[in-house]
């Protein structure tokens, strides 16, 4: 009991670090923008010679912090579930895209789980979900699903543009009422909604899910892109995809021009990598849906009130991943929410050279959605874990036995599987270390709504008179 009282005292003294909410400045406005199907190789600021035109994202990086080693998810729905809850796949149970027409993927996000908008409501935030939702499924499917998950307002498609829909003709739901829209371009319509929401009461949290640059590939409105001679969808998928990305970048420029950067932080991130057939370099295994770098390493750029002037234009190399958005955005609002799964990277926005709180990254994909993979060998099950030096990939599917592959992180294209030759001692140790991460992550069980919090580790650091006092506290389920 004495130790617990000491920990509580230290928590009261703990400096949260970085320009987050305070009595002087008040809570920050937060805009989280999620781009669909877009790897780092599509954004000019990431330095790939094959990147298409993205001048607005490049300018955002020049005035903010660009993250070099951020992992999203192999697919869109798991990303959305993790950023809203701070939970990994095994705990929120959304391991693949939600498709109510498929028994493999019908399960949706439990709206009773703890979510960002529910937490932020306690701080007085107005929360809006704008654009593609893609979290409503069985057994709780309803057009009001975003509202049940804690948002005050939703406007946009509930999922992908399937079943006859397109970017020029799409179903848009507004607070549970859905209508077919045929007189607007979807990317522009979502942007208009965001700009309107920026004018509302403060503080606000805008969760923005663009459909672009997801299929169907098409020729965007001429004023939004610079590509000539496009023949989409029958033409080259790579050029069609780059045109979608440029049109998306053009509309992002309208949002950036409308933001009051003095009290607002904008986070732009993609959910998963570029589709395999649209990659500049053909791949038999990578791209969207995989746990290779081209499937999970995605852009993350942050600009605004949370970024220190000294950090503007910097690159953060620390390991980060989608679950960390939960703790980070709550820290912007003055709420401490770190756990074993979600670790705030707000400090990297003040000093990008600060060591990341995350020692490893993990990604997983399996079907059907649920608490764990099935034993059916015809169902995909991919896992990957990485630290700052090595990465392990495990694939089980149609003859793939799950033998681990090991890559150096410097091998960004993952061409050289180190297990093809006898491993040296550093490689053997790395393989054992990363396989332990895979085993630990694969042993988790779902976090049902109302269940006790998962075990977590907290590092409490208090500086007194220049001396550092470090205390580790492990909390377990009772």
Protein backbone atom coordinates (compact mmCIF):
# COMPACT_ATOMS: atom_id res chain seq x y z
CA UNK A 1 0.00 0.00 0.00
CA UNK A 2 2.82 2.39 0.85
CA UNK A 3 4.42 1.73 -2.54
CA UNK A 4 1.10 2.37 -4.32
CA UNK A 5 0.70 5.69 -2.47
CA UNK A 6 4.23 6.63 -3.51
CA UNK A 7 3.46 5.81 -7.11
CA UNK A 8 0.31 7.96 -6.99
CA UNK A 9 2.33 10.85 -5.57
CA UNK A 10 4.93 10.50 -8.29
CA UNK A 11 2.25 10.43 -10.95
CA UNK A 12 0.98 13.77 -9.69
CA UNK A 13 4.50 15.16 -10.05
CA UNK A 14 5.16 13.56 -13.41
CA UNK A 15 5.85 16.09 -16.18
CA UNK A 16 3.96 15.02 -19.24
CA UNK A 17 6.52 16.58 -21.59
CA UNK A 18 5.89 18.41 -24.79
CA UNK A 19 3.38 21.10 -25.70
CA UNK A 20 0.17 19.34 -24.68
CA UNK A 21 -2.93 20.78 -23.05
CA UNK A 22 -2.36 23.13 -20.12
CA UNK A 23 -4.31 25.69 -18.13
CA UNK A 24 -2.62 28.44 -20.11
CA UNK A 25 -3.21 27.10 -23.61
CA UNK A 26 -6.27 24.89 -23.15
CA UNK A 27 -6.76 21.57 -24.96
CA UNK A 28 -5.58 21.31 -28.54
CA UNK A 29 -7.89 20.71 -31.44
CA UNK A 30 -7.01 17.38 -33.07
CA UNK A 31 -7.47 16.32 -36.69
CA UNK A 32 -6.55 12.73 -37.55
CA UNK A 33 -6.60 12.11 -41.32
CA UNK A 34 -6.40 8.49 -42.50
CA UNK A 35 -5.42 7.89 -46.13
CA UNK A 36 -6.34 4.57 -47.73
CA UNK A 37 -3.94 2.17 -49.53
CA UNK A 38 -0.90 4.44 -49.65
CA UNK A 39 2.67 3.42 -48.84
CA UNK A 40 5.62 5.70 -48.14
CA UNK A 41 6.83 5.30 -51.73
CA UNK A 42 3.89 7.40 -52.94
CA UNK A 43 4.79 10.54 -50.93
CA UNK A 44 7.56 12.80 -52.25
CA UNK A 45 8.77 13.76 -48.77
CA UNK A 46 9.87 10.16 -48.20
CA UNK A 47 12.45 10.43 -50.96
CA UNK A 48 11.45 7.62 -53.29
CA UNK A 49 12.38 8.52 -56.89
CA UNK A 50 9.14 6.94 -58.14
CA UNK A 51 6.84 9.04 -55.93
CA UNK A 52 4.13 10.98 -57.70
CA UNK A 53 3.31 14.65 -57.10
CA UNK A 54 2.32 15.31 -53.48
CA UNK A 55 3.22 18.99 -52.89
CA UNK A 56 0.85 19.54 -49.97
CA UNK A 57 1.98 16.49 -48.04
CA UNK A 58 5.58 17.45 -48.77
CA UNK A 59 4.96 20.94 -47.38
CA UNK A 60 3.26 19.42 -44.33
CA UNK A 61 6.42 17.40 -43.67
CA UNK A 62 8.61 20.48 -44.17
CA UNK A 63 6.69 22.27 -41.41
CA UNK A 64 6.11 19.27 -39.16
CA UNK A 65 7.69 15.94 -38.18
CA UNK A 66 7.87 13.02 -40.59
CA UNK A 67 8.04 9.52 -39.11
CA UNK A 68 10.33 7.14 -40.95
CA UNK A 69 9.50 3.90 -39.13
CA UNK A 70 5.76 3.86 -38.52
CA UNK A 71 3.75 0.66 -39.00
CA UNK A 72 0.07 0.65 -39.86
CA UNK A 73 -1.86 -2.57 -40.47
CA UNK A 74 -1.99 -5.00 -43.41
CA UNK A 75 -5.61 -3.89 -43.98
CA UNK A 76 -7.82 -0.86 -43.30
CA UNK A 77 -10.38 -2.07 -40.72
CA UNK A 78 -7.77 -3.34 -38.23
CA UNK A 79 -6.00 0.02 -38.49
CA UNK A 80 -9.18 1.92 -37.68
CA UNK A 81 -9.99 -0.38 -34.76
CA UNK A 82 -6.50 -0.02 -33.31
CA UNK A 83 -6.24 3.76 -33.61
CA UNK A 84 -9.63 4.21 -31.93
CA UNK A 85 -9.03 1.76 -29.06
CA UNK A 86 -5.25 1.55 -28.67
CA UNK A 87 -5.61 -2.24 -28.80
CA UNK A 88 -3.82 -4.81 -30.98
CA UNK A 89 -5.66 -7.18 -33.31
CA UNK A 90 -6.04 -10.06 -30.85
CA UNK A 91 -7.84 -7.79 -28.38
CA UNK A 92 -10.28 -5.91 -30.60
CA UNK A 93 -10.69 -9.01 -32.89
CA UNK A 94 -10.71 -7.10 -36.21
CA UNK A 95 -7.94 -8.86 -38.13
CA UNK A 96 -9.05 -8.08 -41.70
CA UNK A 97 -11.35 -5.78 -43.66
CA UNK A 98 -14.96 -5.99 -42.54
CA UNK A 99 -17.19 -7.37 -45.28
CA UNK A 100 -20.71 -8.22 -44.24
CA UNK A 101 -21.12 -10.26 -47.42
CA UNK A 102 -18.41 -12.72 -46.32
CA UNK A 103 -18.52 -15.17 -43.44
CA UNK A 104 -14.75 -14.70 -43.14
CA UNK A 105 -14.92 -11.03 -42.24
CA UNK A 106 -18.38 -10.20 -40.93
CA UNK A 107 -17.41 -9.39 -37.33
CA UNK A 108 -17.33 -5.65 -36.62
CA UNK A 109 -15.87 -3.52 -33.86
CA UNK A 110 -17.66 -3.82 -30.53
CA UNK A 111 -18.99 -0.25 -30.08
CA UNK A 112 -19.02 -0.70 -26.30
CA UNK A 113 -15.20 -0.74 -26.17
CA UNK A 114 -13.31 2.24 -24.76
CA UNK A 115 -12.57 4.62 -27.65
CA UNK A 116 -10.88 7.94 -28.35
CA UNK A 117 -14.10 9.97 -28.70
CA UNK A 118 -15.46 8.56 -25.43
CA UNK A 119 -12.27 9.54 -23.60
CA UNK A 120 -12.13 12.96 -25.24
CA UNK A 121 -15.78 13.67 -24.38
CA UNK A 122 -14.72 13.69 -20.74
CA UNK A 123 -12.42 16.60 -21.63
CA UNK A 124 -15.21 18.51 -23.35
CA UNK A 125 -14.31 17.63 -26.95
CA UNK A 126 -16.72 17.65 -29.86
CA UNK A 127 -15.92 14.53 -31.89
CA UNK A 128 -16.85 13.91 -35.53
CA UNK A 129 -16.15 10.91 -37.78
CA UNK A 130 -16.00 12.06 -41.39
CA UNK A 131 -15.52 9.88 -44.46
CA UNK A 132 -15.20 6.11 -44.66
CA UNK A 133 -15.96 4.31 -41.39
CA UNK A 134 -15.50 0.60 -42.24
CA UNK A 135 -15.92 -0.71 -38.69
CA UNK A 136 -19.61 -1.61 -38.66
CA UNK A 137 -20.24 -5.34 -38.86
CA UNK A 138 -22.02 -8.17 -37.12
CA UNK A 139 -23.53 -8.50 -34.60
CA UNK A 140 -23.90 -4.74 -34.11
CA UNK A 141 -24.38 -3.53 -37.68
CA UNK A 142 -26.26 -0.27 -37.90
CA UNK A 143 -25.70 2.98 -39.82
CA UNK A 144 -25.46 4.58 -36.36
CA UNK A 145 -22.39 2.51 -35.48
CA UNK A 146 -20.00 5.53 -35.39
CA UNK A 147 -22.33 7.24 -32.91
CA UNK A 148 -22.46 4.13 -30.73
CA UNK A 149 -18.66 4.13 -30.73
CA UNK A 150 -18.68 7.58 -29.15
CA UNK A 151 -18.77 10.17 -31.94
CA UNK A 152 -21.18 13.10 -31.81
CA UNK A 153 -21.57 13.18 -35.58
CA UNK A 154 -20.77 11.01 -38.60
CA UNK A 155 -20.94 11.82 -42.30
CA UNK A 156 -19.61 9.50 -45.00
CA UNK A 157 -19.72 5.99 -46.46
CA UNK A 158 -19.93 3.09 -44.02
CA UNK A 159 -17.41 1.07 -46.04
CA UNK A 160 -15.77 0.57 -49.42
CA UNK A 161 -17.28 1.60 -52.73
CA UNK A 162 -18.59 -1.80 -53.71
CA UNK A 163 -21.88 -3.08 -55.10
CA UNK A 164 -22.20 -0.56 -57.92
CA UNK A 165 -20.92 2.50 -56.06
CA UNK A 166 -18.15 4.75 -57.35
CA UNK A 167 -16.41 8.00 -56.48
CA UNK A 168 -19.11 9.79 -58.50
CA UNK A 169 -22.04 7.80 -57.11
CA UNK A 170 -21.82 6.65 -53.50
CA UNK A 171 -23.93 5.98 -50.44
CA UNK A 172 -23.36 8.58 -47.75
CA UNK A 173 -24.68 8.14 -44.23
CA UNK A 174 -25.26 11.11 -41.93
CA UNK A 175 -25.94 10.16 -38.32
CA UNK A 176 -27.59 6.90 -39.36
CA UNK A 177 -29.58 8.18 -42.36
CA UNK A 178 -28.14 6.96 -45.67
CA UNK A 179 -28.73 8.39 -49.15
CA UNK A 180 -27.19 7.94 -52.59
CA UNK A 181 -25.09 10.90 -53.71
CA UNK A 182 -24.61 11.40 -57.47
CA UNK A 183 -23.70 15.10 -57.85
CA UNK A 184 -20.35 15.23 -56.03
CA UNK A 185 -16.88 13.67 -56.16
CA UNK A 186 -16.33 11.62 -53.00
CA UNK A 187 -12.84 12.90 -52.11
CA UNK A 188 -14.04 16.50 -52.49
CA UNK A 189 -17.22 15.78 -50.53
CA UNK A 190 -15.25 14.44 -47.56
CA UNK A 191 -12.97 17.48 -47.72
CA UNK A 192 -15.96 19.84 -47.71
CA UNK A 193 -17.28 18.12 -44.57
CA UNK A 194 -13.92 18.48 -42.84
CA UNK A 195 -13.63 22.20 -43.64
CA UNK A 196 -17.15 22.75 -42.34
CA UNK A 197 -16.31 20.86 -39.12
CA UNK A 198 -13.21 23.03 -38.59
CA UNK A 199 -15.56 25.99 -38.11
CA UNK A 200 -17.47 24.36 -35.23
CA UNK A 201 -17.12 24.65 -31.47
CA UNK A 202 -13.79 23.97 -29.78
CA UNK A 203 -12.08 21.87 -28.67
CA UNK A 204 -12.75 19.33 -31.40
CA UNK A 205 -11.52 15.94 -32.54
CA UNK A 206 -12.01 15.18 -36.22
CA UNK A 207 -11.43 11.57 -37.28
CA UNK A 208 -11.23 11.66 -41.07
CA UNK A 209 -11.22 8.49 -43.17
CA UNK A 210 -10.71 9.08 -46.89
CA UNK A 211 -11.71 6.39 -49.37
CA UNK A 212 -8.84 7.46 -51.63
CA UNK A 213 -6.61 6.04 -52.88
CA UNK A 214 -8.61 2.80 -52.65
CA UNK A 215 -10.21 1.17 -55.67
CA UNK A 216 -12.05 1.60 -57.94
CA UNK A 217 -9.22 3.12 -59.97
CA UNK A 218 -10.63 5.91 -62.14
CA UNK A 219 -9.76 9.23 -63.73
CA UNK A 220 -10.19 11.95 -61.06
CA UNK A 221 -11.53 15.41 -61.90
CA UNK A 222 -9.07 17.15 -64.22
CA UNK A 223 -8.39 20.06 -61.85
CA UNK A 224 -7.14 17.71 -59.10
CA UNK A 225 -4.29 15.95 -60.93
CA UNK A 226 -1.61 16.47 -63.60
CA UNK A 227 -1.61 13.08 -65.38
CA UNK A 228 -2.35 13.02 -69.10
CA UNK A 229 -3.67 10.10 -71.13
CA UNK A 230 -5.08 8.15 -68.19
CA UNK A 231 -7.08 5.04 -69.07
CA UNK A 232 -8.55 3.87 -65.78
CA UNK A 233 -9.41 1.30 -64.66
CA UNK A 234 -8.23 -0.67 -67.68
CA UNK A 235 -4.91 1.19 -67.96
CA UNK A 236 -1.73 0.87 -65.92
CA UNK A 237 -2.74 0.55 -62.23
CA UNK A 238 0.41 2.37 -61.09
CA UNK A 239 -0.38 5.58 -63.00
CA UNK A 240 -4.05 5.42 -62.01
CA UNK A 241 -3.11 5.04 -58.35
CA UNK A 242 -0.65 7.94 -58.50
CA UNK A 243 -3.35 10.13 -60.03
CA UNK A 244 -5.70 9.22 -57.16
CA UNK A 245 -2.97 10.09 -54.66
CA UNK A 246 -2.33 13.46 -56.33
CA UNK A 247 -6.04 14.29 -56.36
CA UNK A 248 -6.19 13.39 -52.67
CA UNK A 249 -3.16 15.60 -52.00
CA UNK A 250 -4.87 18.48 -53.81
CA UNK A 251 -7.89 18.22 -51.53
CA UNK A 252 -5.70 17.93 -48.44
CA UNK A 253 -4.26 21.29 -49.44
CA UNK A 254 -7.72 22.84 -48.97
CA UNK A 255 -7.89 21.44 -45.43
CA UNK A 256 -4.40 22.63 -44.53
CA UNK A 257 -5.28 26.13 -45.74
CA UNK A 258 -8.34 26.17 -43.45
CA UNK A 259 -6.57 24.97 -40.28
CA UNK A 260 -5.66 27.36 -37.47
CA UNK A 261 -2.22 25.93 -36.76
CA UNK A 262 -1.84 27.87 -33.50
CA UNK A 263 -4.14 25.59 -31.53
CA UNK A 264 -4.65 22.58 -33.81
CA UNK A 265 -2.53 19.49 -34.46
CA UNK A 266 -3.02 17.59 -37.71
CA UNK A 267 -1.89 13.98 -38.02
CA UNK A 268 -1.85 12.50 -41.53
CA UNK A 269 -1.33 8.75 -41.74
CA UNK A 270 -2.13 5.86 -44.09
CA UNK A 271 -3.76 2.63 -42.96
CA UNK A 272 -1.80 0.14 -45.09
CA UNK A 273 0.56 -0.02 -48.03
CA UNK A 274 -0.05 0.44 -51.73
CA UNK A 275 -1.91 -2.39 -53.50
CA UNK A 276 0.46 -4.95 -54.98
CA UNK A 277 -0.66 -4.40 -58.57
CA UNK A 278 -0.02 -0.63 -58.26
CA UNK A 279 3.53 -0.84 -56.89
CA UNK A 280 6.27 0.57 -59.12
CA UNK A 281 8.31 -2.58 -58.59
CA UNK A 282 6.38 -5.81 -59.09
CA UNK A 283 6.12 -7.97 -55.97
CA UNK A 284 4.92 -11.53 -55.54
CA UNK A 285 4.51 -11.19 -51.78
CA UNK A 286 4.51 -7.56 -50.64
CA UNK A 287 2.13 -4.64 -50.80
CA UNK A 288 -1.25 -4.19 -49.16
CA UNK A 289 -2.42 -7.23 -47.21
CA UNK A 290 1.10 -8.40 -46.39
CA UNK A 291 3.27 -7.88 -43.32
CA UNK A 292 6.29 -6.96 -45.42
CA UNK A 293 7.47 -3.35 -45.31
CA UNK A 294 5.51 -2.47 -48.46
CA UNK A 295 2.36 -3.64 -46.68
CA UNK A 296 2.68 -2.05 -43.24
CA UNK A 297 5.28 0.74 -43.40
CA UNK A 298 3.17 3.81 -44.16
CA UNK A 299 3.45 7.61 -44.02
CA UNK A 300 2.92 9.45 -40.73
CA UNK A 301 3.33 13.23 -40.73
CA UNK A 302 2.38 15.55 -37.84
CA UNK A 303 2.19 19.33 -37.89
CA UNK A 304 0.70 21.94 -35.58
CA UNK A 305 0.45 22.90 -31.94
CA UNK A 306 2.06 19.69 -30.62
CA UNK A 307 5.22 20.20 -32.73
CA UNK A 308 7.94 22.39 -31.23
CA UNK A 309 9.47 25.06 -33.47
CA UNK A 310 12.83 23.31 -33.15
CA UNK A 311 11.35 20.05 -34.50
CA UNK A 312 9.73 21.50 -37.61
CA UNK A 313 11.07 19.86 -40.74
CA UNK A 314 12.63 16.98 -38.81
CA UNK A 315 12.51 13.23 -39.26
CA UNK A 316 11.75 10.88 -36.34
CA UNK A 317 13.42 7.49 -36.67
CA UNK A 318 11.97 5.87 -33.54
CA UNK A 319 9.74 2.80 -33.83
CA UNK A 320 6.03 3.63 -33.73
CA UNK A 321 2.83 1.89 -34.80
CA UNK A 322 -0.90 2.37 -35.11
CA UNK A 323 -1.84 1.56 -31.50
CA UNK A 324 0.38 4.47 -30.38
CA UNK A 325 -1.98 7.00 -31.94
CA UNK A 326 -4.46 6.37 -29.10
CA UNK A 327 -2.11 7.39 -26.28
CA UNK A 328 -0.55 10.19 -28.31
CA UNK A 329 -3.80 11.91 -29.22
CA UNK A 330 -5.06 11.64 -25.66
CA UNK A 331 -1.83 13.23 -24.44
CA UNK A 332 -2.54 16.15 -26.77
CA UNK A 333 -5.76 16.57 -24.77
CA UNK A 334 -3.98 16.32 -21.42
CA UNK A 335 -5.00 12.71 -20.70
CA UNK A 336 -2.47 10.06 -19.73
CA UNK A 337 -3.36 6.78 -21.44
CA UNK A 338 -0.15 4.81 -21.96
CA UNK A 339 -0.28 1.03 -21.74
CA UNK A 340 1.74 -1.96 -22.82
CA UNK A 341 0.08 -1.61 -26.24
CA UNK A 342 -0.24 2.13 -26.82
CA UNK A 343 2.79 4.33 -26.18
CA UNK A 344 2.67 8.05 -26.79
CA UNK A 345 5.16 9.48 -29.29
CA UNK A 346 4.36 13.10 -28.32
CA UNK A 347 7.94 13.56 -27.08
CA UNK A 348 9.23 12.89 -30.59
CA UNK A 349 7.32 15.97 -31.76
CA UNK A 350 9.39 18.08 -29.38
CA UNK A 351 12.71 16.32 -29.96
CA UNK A 352 12.63 13.80 -32.83
CA UNK A 353 15.97 12.38 -31.68
CA UNK A 354 14.47 11.22 -28.38
CA UNK A 355 14.54 7.45 -27.97
CA UNK A 356 11.21 5.84 -28.82
CA UNK A 357 9.24 4.26 -25.98
CA UNK A 358 8.51 1.30 -28.25
CA UNK A 359 11.24 -1.39 -28.32
CA UNK A 360 9.57 -3.43 -31.07
CA UNK A 361 6.82 -3.40 -33.70
CA UNK A 362 4.26 -6.11 -34.42
CA UNK A 363 1.75 -6.73 -37.21
CA UNK A 364 -0.63 -9.61 -37.85
CA UNK A 365 -3.25 -10.67 -40.36
CA UNK A 366 -5.60 -13.67 -40.27
CA UNK A 367 -9.11 -14.67 -41.29
CA UNK A 368 -11.85 -14.83 -40.17
CA UNK A 369 -12.15 -11.82 -37.85
CA UNK A 370 -12.21 -13.03 -34.29
CA UNK A 371 -10.05 -13.67 -31.22
CA UNK A 372 -7.50 -15.92 -32.95
CA UNK A 373 -6.68 -17.62 -36.27
CA UNK A 374 -8.35 -20.89 -37.21
CA UNK A 375 -6.39 -24.08 -37.83
CA UNK A 376 -7.54 -24.18 -41.47
CA UNK A 377 -4.35 -24.23 -43.59
CA UNK A 378 -6.22 -22.51 -46.43
CA UNK A 379 -6.79 -19.39 -44.34
CA UNK A 380 -4.02 -16.77 -44.36
CA UNK A 381 -2.10 -16.11 -41.17
CA UNK A 382 0.78 -13.63 -41.38
CA UNK A 383 2.86 -12.26 -38.49
CA UNK A 384 5.81 -9.88 -38.31
CA UNK A 385 7.88 -8.46 -35.48
CA UNK A 386 10.81 -6.06 -35.67
CA UNK A 387 13.23 -4.06 -33.59
CA UNK A 388 15.56 -1.35 -34.87
CA UNK A 389 18.00 -3.88 -36.36
CA UNK A 390 16.09 -6.96 -37.55
CA UNK A 391 12.64 -8.13 -38.63
CA UNK A 392 11.05 -11.57 -38.61
CA UNK A 393 8.19 -12.58 -40.94
CA UNK A 394 6.06 -15.72 -40.57
CA UNK A 395 3.57 -16.77 -43.24
CA UNK A 396 1.14 -19.68 -43.05
CA UNK A 397 -1.07 -20.22 -46.08
CA UNK A 398 -1.53 -22.88 -48.77
CA UNK A 399 1.71 -24.76 -48.34
CA UNK A 400 3.61 -22.08 -46.44
CA UNK A 401 4.65 -23.84 -43.26
CA UNK A 402 5.34 -20.80 -41.10
CA UNK A 403 9.11 -21.07 -41.15
CA UNK A 404 10.48 -17.70 -40.00
CA UNK A 405 12.18 -15.32 -42.43
CA UNK A 406 14.73 -12.88 -41.02
CA UNK A 407 15.71 -9.55 -42.57
CA UNK A 408 17.92 -6.63 -41.64
CA UNK A 409 15.93 -3.42 -41.27
CA UNK A 410 18.34 -1.79 -43.71
CA UNK A 411 17.07 -4.26 -46.35
CA UNK A 412 13.98 -2.16 -47.03
CA UNK A 413 12.91 -4.24 -50.02
CA UNK A 414 13.39 -7.47 -48.01
CA UNK A 415 15.27 -9.27 -50.72
CA UNK A 416 17.81 -11.09 -48.51
CA UNK A 417 16.28 -13.63 -46.13
CA UNK A 418 19.11 -14.27 -43.68
CA UNK A 419 17.77 -17.74 -42.80
CA UNK A 420 18.80 -18.95 -46.27
CA UNK A 421 22.32 -19.27 -44.84
CA UNK A 422 23.60 -20.37 -41.41
CA UNK A 423 22.97 -17.55 -38.95
CA UNK A 424 25.70 -15.87 -36.95
CA UNK A 425 25.32 -15.30 -33.23
CA UNK A 426 23.82 -11.77 -33.50
CA UNK A 427 21.26 -13.04 -35.99
CA UNK A 428 20.38 -16.07 -33.85
CA UNK A 429 19.83 -13.84 -30.83
CA UNK A 430 17.71 -11.43 -32.88
CA UNK A 431 15.59 -14.28 -34.23
CA UNK A 432 14.98 -15.68 -30.75
CA UNK A 433 14.16 -12.23 -29.39
CA UNK A 434 11.65 -11.43 -32.13
CA UNK A 435 10.03 -14.88 -32.05
CA UNK A 436 9.40 -14.27 -28.35
CA UNK A 437 7.53 -11.10 -29.30
CA UNK A 438 5.47 -13.08 -31.85
CA UNK A 439 4.63 -15.71 -29.22
CA UNK A 440 3.66 -13.11 -26.63
CA UNK A 441 1.45 -11.14 -29.01
CA UNK A 442 -0.12 -14.33 -30.33
CA UNK A 443 -1.13 -15.45 -26.85
CA UNK A 444 -3.34 -12.45 -26.04
CA UNK A 445 -7.07 -12.82 -25.54
CA UNK A 446 -9.88 -10.41 -26.47
CA UNK A 447 -10.58 -7.41 -24.28
CA UNK A 448 -14.34 -7.50 -23.98
CA UNK A 449 -16.19 -4.35 -23.07
CA UNK A 450 -16.27 -3.97 -19.29
CA UNK A 451 -13.41 -6.42 -18.72
CA UNK A 452 -10.51 -5.53 -16.40
CA UNK A 453 -7.67 -3.63 -18.09
CA UNK A 454 -4.86 -5.70 -19.58
CA UNK A 455 -1.55 -6.07 -17.82
CA UNK A 456 0.74 -3.16 -18.55
CA UNK A 457 4.07 -1.69 -17.63
CA UNK A 458 4.53 1.95 -16.80
CA UNK A 459 7.80 3.80 -16.62
CA UNK A 460 7.45 6.67 -14.20
CA UNK A 461 10.21 9.25 -14.44
CA UNK A 462 10.43 12.17 -12.04
CA UNK A 463 13.28 14.65 -12.09
CA UNK A 464 14.04 16.25 -8.76
CA UNK A 465 16.79 18.83 -8.63
CA UNK A 466 18.38 17.42 -11.78
CA UNK A 467 18.51 13.85 -10.42
CA UNK A 468 16.47 11.16 -12.13
CA UNK A 469 14.26 8.78 -10.16
CA UNK A 470 13.02 5.81 -12.21
CA UNK A 471 10.36 3.44 -10.95
CA UNK A 472 8.93 0.50 -12.84
CA UNK A 473 5.46 -0.59 -11.85
CA UNK A 474 3.86 -3.73 -13.30
CA UNK A 475 0.12 -3.91 -13.10
CA UNK A 476 -1.64 -7.23 -13.70
CA UNK A 477 -5.20 -8.34 -13.77
CA UNK A 478 -6.48 -9.14 -10.37
